[in-house]
Each structure stands twice: as structure tokens, then as C-alpha cells.
């Protein structure tokens, strides 16, 4: 079976930065719903269209095609008193503008802690980076009606994979 709209694609992949440093390697296959459901980078989805099990794909993505440009406005300095006493670099918190709904919330990573302030960054850790996505197709199957209705893959027991 070839990868087409409304198929579930299973991949093993590696993600590299512009210097060729391995950032992530997935041994256990990951699956996504193919055909514009936002389950994978659009450039990768385009490159995979028409491929089958055993085929490979190598796509280099500029920041706008991956996690976006780095936005310095997403770095904020907050009062230390607004955080738990044990706040440390690398911790993550959800946050957003006051009086905003849940959809406006972002994930912020603590990047600096002083006695008075905590600096958090709302950018994805890979924002601003050119990335290369190398993958191999290990499975292709038709999506179920339920997966198509929900717009994402379910496991064999009907469980949501997200």
C-alpha cells in the first residue's frame, strides 16, 4: 500500500541539526494520520506521499518549516515569588496572558533563576534551527472511520495516541 490521504503511516526517524548532530532518534515506530491533519511536518508529509513500506525520506527544513523562528518576545522575566520555592532551570510551566482562555496557554521553560527573578522562554527548544528529518516507512494502512472523524491515530484498542 502506498502513502496517500487518509492512511496511517508508521515511521522510525532521526532528527539532526544543521551541524549534523543527532537530536532525536526513535526506534519504536511513531504513527500519524496522513493528509493534512497536522500530525507531522508538512514538508515531510509531502515527501512521504506515494511512498511505501521500506522507503526512506530525508528532508531538510528551515525554521519556518519546522518549529518557527526564535521569538525574543516569548522570553519573559517574572518575579521569583510567582514560582515554587524549588524552581530550577529546565522546569516547565504552562502560562499565558491574564484573562486568556485555555487555547492561549503556552509551555514555558525556565532558563535562568536568581534570588529575585525567574526567566522563562516560550519558544520551542528547536525554534530558529534548520533541521534534517530522516525516516523510514515501517507501516501503511487505511485509517479507520473513527481516526478520520477525530483527525488522529488510535491504537489497536481504539485508544487515543496523543
C-alpha atoms as a PDB file:
ATOM      1  CA  UNK A   1       0.000   0.000   0.000  1.00  0.00           C
ATOM      2  CA  UNK A   2       1.238   3.489  -0.847  1.00  0.00           C
ATOM      3  CA  UNK A   3       1.024   6.524   1.430  1.00  0.00           C
ATOM      4  CA  UNK A   4      -1.977   8.637   0.430  1.00  0.00           C
ATOM      5  CA  UNK A   5      -4.574  10.863   2.077  1.00  0.00           C
ATOM      6  CA  UNK A   6      -6.357   9.151   4.964  1.00  0.00           C
ATOM      7  CA  UNK A   7      -3.721   6.473   5.552  1.00  0.00           C
ATOM      8  CA  UNK A   8      -1.966   5.826   8.854  1.00  0.00           C
ATOM      9  CA  UNK A   9       1.793   5.936   8.385  1.00  0.00           C
ATOM     10  CA  UNK A  10       4.277   4.422  10.836  1.00  0.00           C
ATOM     11  CA  UNK A  11       7.872   5.656  10.816  1.00  0.00           C
ATOM     12  CA  UNK A  12      11.211   5.328  12.513  1.00  0.00           C
ATOM     13  CA  UNK A  13      13.107   8.600  12.347  1.00  0.00           C
ATOM     14  CA  UNK A  14      16.184  10.584  13.252  1.00  0.00           C
ATOM     15  CA  UNK A  15      16.340  14.355  13.651  1.00  0.00           C
ATOM     16  CA  UNK A  16      19.599  16.251  13.091  1.00  0.00           C
ATOM     17  CA  UNK A  17      20.598  19.891  13.476  1.00  0.00           C
ATOM     18  CA  UNK A  18      22.403  21.903  10.777  1.00  0.00           C
ATOM     19  CA  UNK A  19      25.789  20.693  12.106  1.00  0.00           C
ATOM     20  CA  UNK A  20      24.768  17.061  11.687  1.00  0.00           C
ATOM     21  CA  UNK A  21      24.362  16.486  15.433  1.00  0.00           C
ATOM     22  CA  UNK A  22      21.759  13.844  16.255  1.00  0.00           C
ATOM     23  CA  UNK A  23      18.983  15.482  18.303  1.00  0.00           C
ATOM     24  CA  UNK A  24      16.478  12.653  18.465  1.00  0.00           C
ATOM     25  CA  UNK A  25      16.261   9.046  17.325  1.00  0.00           C
ATOM     26  CA  UNK A  26      13.082   6.980  17.528  1.00  0.00           C
ATOM     27  CA  UNK A  27      13.441   3.196  17.494  1.00  0.00           C
ATOM     28  CA  UNK A  28       9.809   2.368  18.310  1.00  0.00           C
ATOM     29  CA  UNK A  29       7.712   3.437  15.321  1.00  0.00           C
ATOM     30  CA  UNK A  30       5.530   6.515  15.612  1.00  0.00           C
ATOM     31  CA  UNK A  31       2.321   6.814  13.604  1.00  0.00           C
ATOM     32  CA  UNK A  32       0.436   9.749  12.142  1.00  0.00           C
ATOM     33  CA  UNK A  33      -2.655  10.295  10.008  1.00  0.00           C
ATOM     34  CA  UNK A  34      -1.539  11.347   6.513  1.00  0.00           C
ATOM     35  CA  UNK A  35      -3.332  14.001   4.506  1.00  0.00           C
ATOM     36  CA  UNK A  36      -3.153  17.406   6.169  1.00  0.00           C
ATOM     37  CA  UNK A  37      -4.116  16.502   9.740  1.00  0.00           C
ATOM     38  CA  UNK A  38      -1.055  18.290  11.227  1.00  0.00           C
ATOM     39  CA  UNK A  39       0.422  15.065  12.597  1.00  0.00           C
ATOM     40  CA  UNK A  40       3.836  15.648  11.026  1.00  0.00           C
ATOM     41  CA  UNK A  41       5.799  18.484   9.429  1.00  0.00           C
ATOM     42  CA  UNK A  42       4.077  19.436   6.133  1.00  0.00           C
ATOM     43  CA  UNK A  43       7.337  19.146   4.126  1.00  0.00           C
ATOM     44  CA  UNK A  44       7.910  15.629   5.474  1.00  0.00           C
ATOM     45  CA  UNK A  45       4.320  14.665   4.717  1.00  0.00           C
ATOM     46  CA  UNK A  46       4.726  15.950   1.162  1.00  0.00           C
ATOM     47  CA  UNK A  47       7.965  13.986   0.694  1.00  0.00           C
ATOM     48  CA  UNK A  48       6.365  10.786   2.030  1.00  0.00           C
ATOM     49  CA  UNK A  49       3.281  10.941  -0.202  1.00  0.00           C
ATOM     50  CA  UNK A  50       3.284   7.963  -2.586  1.00  0.00           C
ATOM     51  CA  UNK A  51       5.986   6.032  -0.735  1.00  0.00           C
ATOM     52  CA  UNK A  52       5.522   2.571   0.765  1.00  0.00           C
ATOM     53  CA  UNK A  53       6.918   0.280   3.451  1.00  0.00           C
ATOM     54  CA  UNK A  54      10.703   0.124   3.233  1.00  0.00           C
ATOM     55  CA  UNK A  55      11.056   3.522   1.561  1.00  0.00           C
ATOM     56  CA  UNK A  56      13.118   6.269   3.163  1.00  0.00           C
ATOM     57  CA  UNK A  57      12.838  10.032   3.218  1.00  0.00           C
ATOM     58  CA  UNK A  58      15.362  12.783   4.003  1.00  0.00           C
ATOM     59  CA  UNK A  59      14.019  16.324   4.372  1.00  0.00           C
ATOM     60  CA  UNK A  60      15.928  19.431   5.436  1.00  0.00           C
ATOM     61  CA  UNK A  61      13.648  22.066   6.946  1.00  0.00           C
ATOM     62  CA  UNK A  62      14.318  25.749   7.530  1.00  0.00           C
ATOM     63  CA  UNK A  63      12.946  27.139  10.822  1.00  0.00           C
ATOM     64  CA  UNK A  64       9.686  28.285   9.214  1.00  0.00           C
ATOM     65  CA  UNK A  65       9.076  24.703   8.029  1.00  0.00           C
ATOM     66  CA  UNK A  66       9.780  23.179  11.460  1.00  0.00           C
ATOM     67  CA  UNK A  67       9.378  24.947  14.828  1.00  0.00           C
ATOM     68  CA  UNK A  68       9.425  28.538  13.610  1.00  0.00           C
ATOM     69  CA  UNK A  69      11.850  31.388  14.053  1.00  0.00           C
ATOM     70  CA  UNK A  70      13.090  32.182  17.547  1.00  0.00           C
ATOM     71  CA  UNK A  71      10.853  34.917  19.009  1.00  0.00           C
ATOM     72  CA  UNK A  72      12.600  37.036  21.646  1.00  0.00           C
ATOM     73  CA  UNK A  73       9.203  38.373  22.753  1.00  0.00           C
ATOM     74  CA  UNK A  74       8.423  34.922  24.167  1.00  0.00           C
ATOM     75  CA  UNK A  75      11.183  35.327  26.772  1.00  0.00           C
ATOM     76  CA  UNK A  76       9.780  36.804  29.970  1.00  0.00           C
ATOM     77  CA  UNK A  77      11.241  37.763  33.328  1.00  0.00           C
ATOM     78  CA  UNK A  78       8.902  37.136  36.262  1.00  0.00           C
ATOM     79  CA  UNK A  79       9.144  37.667  39.995  1.00  0.00           C
ATOM     80  CA  UNK A  80      10.618  34.666  41.789  1.00  0.00           C
ATOM     81  CA  UNK A  81       7.709  34.760  44.273  1.00  0.00           C
ATOM     82  CA  UNK A  82       5.353  33.652  41.464  1.00  0.00           C
ATOM     83  CA  UNK A  83       7.117  30.252  41.286  1.00  0.00           C
ATOM     84  CA  UNK A  84       7.561  27.297  43.654  1.00  0.00           C
ATOM     85  CA  UNK A  85      10.499  27.547  46.068  1.00  0.00           C
ATOM     86  CA  UNK A  86      12.292  24.678  44.298  1.00  0.00           C
ATOM     87  CA  UNK A  87      12.129  26.304  40.830  1.00  0.00           C
ATOM     88  CA  UNK A  88      15.135  25.294  38.721  1.00  0.00           C
ATOM     89  CA  UNK A  89      16.480  25.736  35.215  1.00  0.00           C
ATOM     90  CA  UNK A  90      14.821  23.287  32.838  1.00  0.00           C
ATOM     91  CA  UNK A  91      11.479  23.113  34.680  1.00  0.00           C
ATOM     92  CA  UNK A  92       8.436  23.785  32.514  1.00  0.00           C
ATOM     93  CA  UNK A  93       5.231  25.646  33.306  1.00  0.00           C
ATOM     94  CA  UNK A  94       2.059  26.424  31.395  1.00  0.00           C
ATOM     95  CA  UNK A  95       1.133  30.053  31.213  1.00  0.00           C
ATOM     96  CA  UNK A  96      -0.491  32.731  29.166  1.00  0.00           C
ATOM     97  CA  UNK A  97      -1.782  36.263  29.202  1.00  0.00           C
ATOM     98  CA  UNK A  98      -4.115  37.236  32.045  1.00  0.00           C
ATOM     99  CA  UNK A  99      -7.817  36.730  31.273  1.00  0.00           C
ATOM    100  CA  UNK A 100      -6.987  34.363  28.402  1.00  0.00           C
ATOM    101  CA  UNK A 101      -8.695  31.086  27.643  1.00  0.00           C
ATOM    102  CA  UNK A 102      -7.011  27.672  27.684  1.00  0.00           C
ATOM    103  CA  UNK A 103      -6.166  27.863  23.969  1.00  0.00           C
ATOM    104  CA  UNK A 104      -3.838  30.808  24.607  1.00  0.00           C
ATOM    105  CA  UNK A 105      -1.688  28.917  27.085  1.00  0.00           C
ATOM    106  CA  UNK A 106       1.882  28.015  26.144  1.00  0.00           C
ATOM    107  CA  UNK A 107       4.611  25.876  27.614  1.00  0.00           C
ATOM    108  CA  UNK A 108       7.421  27.953  29.125  1.00  0.00           C
ATOM    109  CA  UNK A 109      10.837  26.586  30.076  1.00  0.00           C
ATOM    110  CA  UNK A 110      12.830  28.111  32.946  1.00  0.00           C
ATOM    111  CA  UNK A 111      16.151  29.335  31.517  1.00  0.00           C
ATOM    112  CA  UNK A 112      17.505  31.394  34.447  1.00  0.00           C
ATOM    113  CA  UNK A 113      16.829  31.711  38.181  1.00  0.00           C
ATOM    114  CA  UNK A 114      18.127  34.419  40.523  1.00  0.00           C
ATOM    115  CA  UNK A 115      17.163  35.378  44.077  1.00  0.00           C
ATOM    116  CA  UNK A 116      14.706  37.935  42.685  1.00  0.00           C
ATOM    117  CA  UNK A 117      13.616  36.753  39.244  1.00  0.00           C
ATOM    118  CA  UNK A 118      12.887  33.760  37.035  1.00  0.00           C
ATOM    119  CA  UNK A 119      13.391  33.959  33.267  1.00  0.00           C
ATOM    120  CA  UNK A 120      11.148  31.736  31.163  1.00  0.00           C
ATOM    121  CA  UNK A 121      11.216  31.041  27.424  1.00  0.00           C
ATOM    122  CA  UNK A 122       8.065  30.165  25.470  1.00  0.00           C
ATOM    123  CA  UNK A 123       9.923  29.184  22.313  1.00  0.00           C
ATOM    124  CA  UNK A 124      10.177  25.527  21.336  1.00  0.00           C
ATOM    125  CA  UNK A 125      13.731  24.343  22.149  1.00  0.00           C
ATOM    126  CA  UNK A 126      14.349  23.811  18.411  1.00  0.00           C
ATOM    127  CA  UNK A 127      12.915  27.170  17.282  1.00  0.00           C
ATOM    128  CA  UNK A 128      15.200  29.034  14.908  1.00  0.00           C
ATOM    129  CA  UNK A 129      17.060  25.890  13.852  1.00  0.00           C
ATOM    130  CA  UNK A 130      17.420  24.243  10.470  1.00  0.00           C
ATOM    131  CA  UNK A 131      16.667  20.541  10.933  1.00  0.00           C
ATOM    132  CA  UNK A 132      17.062  17.392   8.872  1.00  0.00           C
ATOM    133  CA  UNK A 133      14.414  14.693   9.304  1.00  0.00           C
ATOM    134  CA  UNK A 134      15.471  11.228   8.114  1.00  0.00           C
ATOM    135  CA  UNK A 135      12.910   8.456   8.304  1.00  0.00           C
ATOM    136  CA  UNK A 136      11.996   5.004   7.084  1.00  0.00           C
ATOM    137  CA  UNK A 137       8.441   3.859   6.476  1.00  0.00           C
ATOM    138  CA  UNK A 138       7.643   0.735   8.506  1.00  0.00           C
ATOM    139  CA  UNK A 139       3.864   0.615   8.052  1.00  0.00           C
ATOM    140  CA  UNK A 140       0.992   1.991   5.975  1.00  0.00           C
ATOM    141  CA  UNK A 141      -2.673   1.138   6.466  1.00  0.00           C
ATOM    142  CA  UNK A 142      -6.060   2.697   5.757  1.00  0.00           C
ATOM    143  CA  UNK A 143      -7.289   4.954   8.564  1.00  0.00           C
ATOM    144  CA  UNK A 144     -10.404   3.856  10.434  1.00  0.00           C
ATOM    145  CA  UNK A 145     -13.592   5.919  10.312  1.00  0.00           C
ATOM    146  CA  UNK A 146     -13.037   6.882  13.953  1.00  0.00           C
ATOM    147  CA  UNK A 147      -9.478   8.068  13.232  1.00  0.00           C
ATOM    148  CA  UNK A 148     -10.755  10.155  10.324  1.00  0.00           C
ATOM    149  CA  UNK A 149     -13.517  11.656  12.493  1.00  0.00           C
ATOM    150  CA  UNK A 150     -11.038  12.528  15.256  1.00  0.00           C
ATOM    151  CA  UNK A 151      -8.223  13.582  12.910  1.00  0.00           C
ATOM    152  CA  UNK A 152      -5.558  11.455  14.594  1.00  0.00           C
ATOM    153  CA  UNK A 153      -4.341   7.875  15.036  1.00  0.00           C
ATOM    154  CA  UNK A 154      -5.747   5.457  17.618  1.00  0.00           C
ATOM    155  CA  UNK A 155      -4.006   2.283  18.718  1.00  0.00           C
ATOM    156  CA  UNK A 156      -5.452  -1.162  18.007  1.00  0.00           C
ATOM    157  CA  UNK A 157      -7.730  -0.949  21.049  1.00  0.00           C
ATOM    158  CA  UNK A 158      -9.279   2.349  19.950  1.00  0.00           C
ATOM    159  CA  UNK A 159      -7.168   4.302  22.410  1.00  0.00           C
ATOM    160  CA  UNK A 160      -6.076   7.818  21.562  1.00  0.00           C
ATOM    161  CA  UNK A 161      -2.357   8.215  20.823  1.00  0.00           C
ATOM    162  CA  UNK A 162      -1.795  11.810  21.944  1.00  0.00           C
END
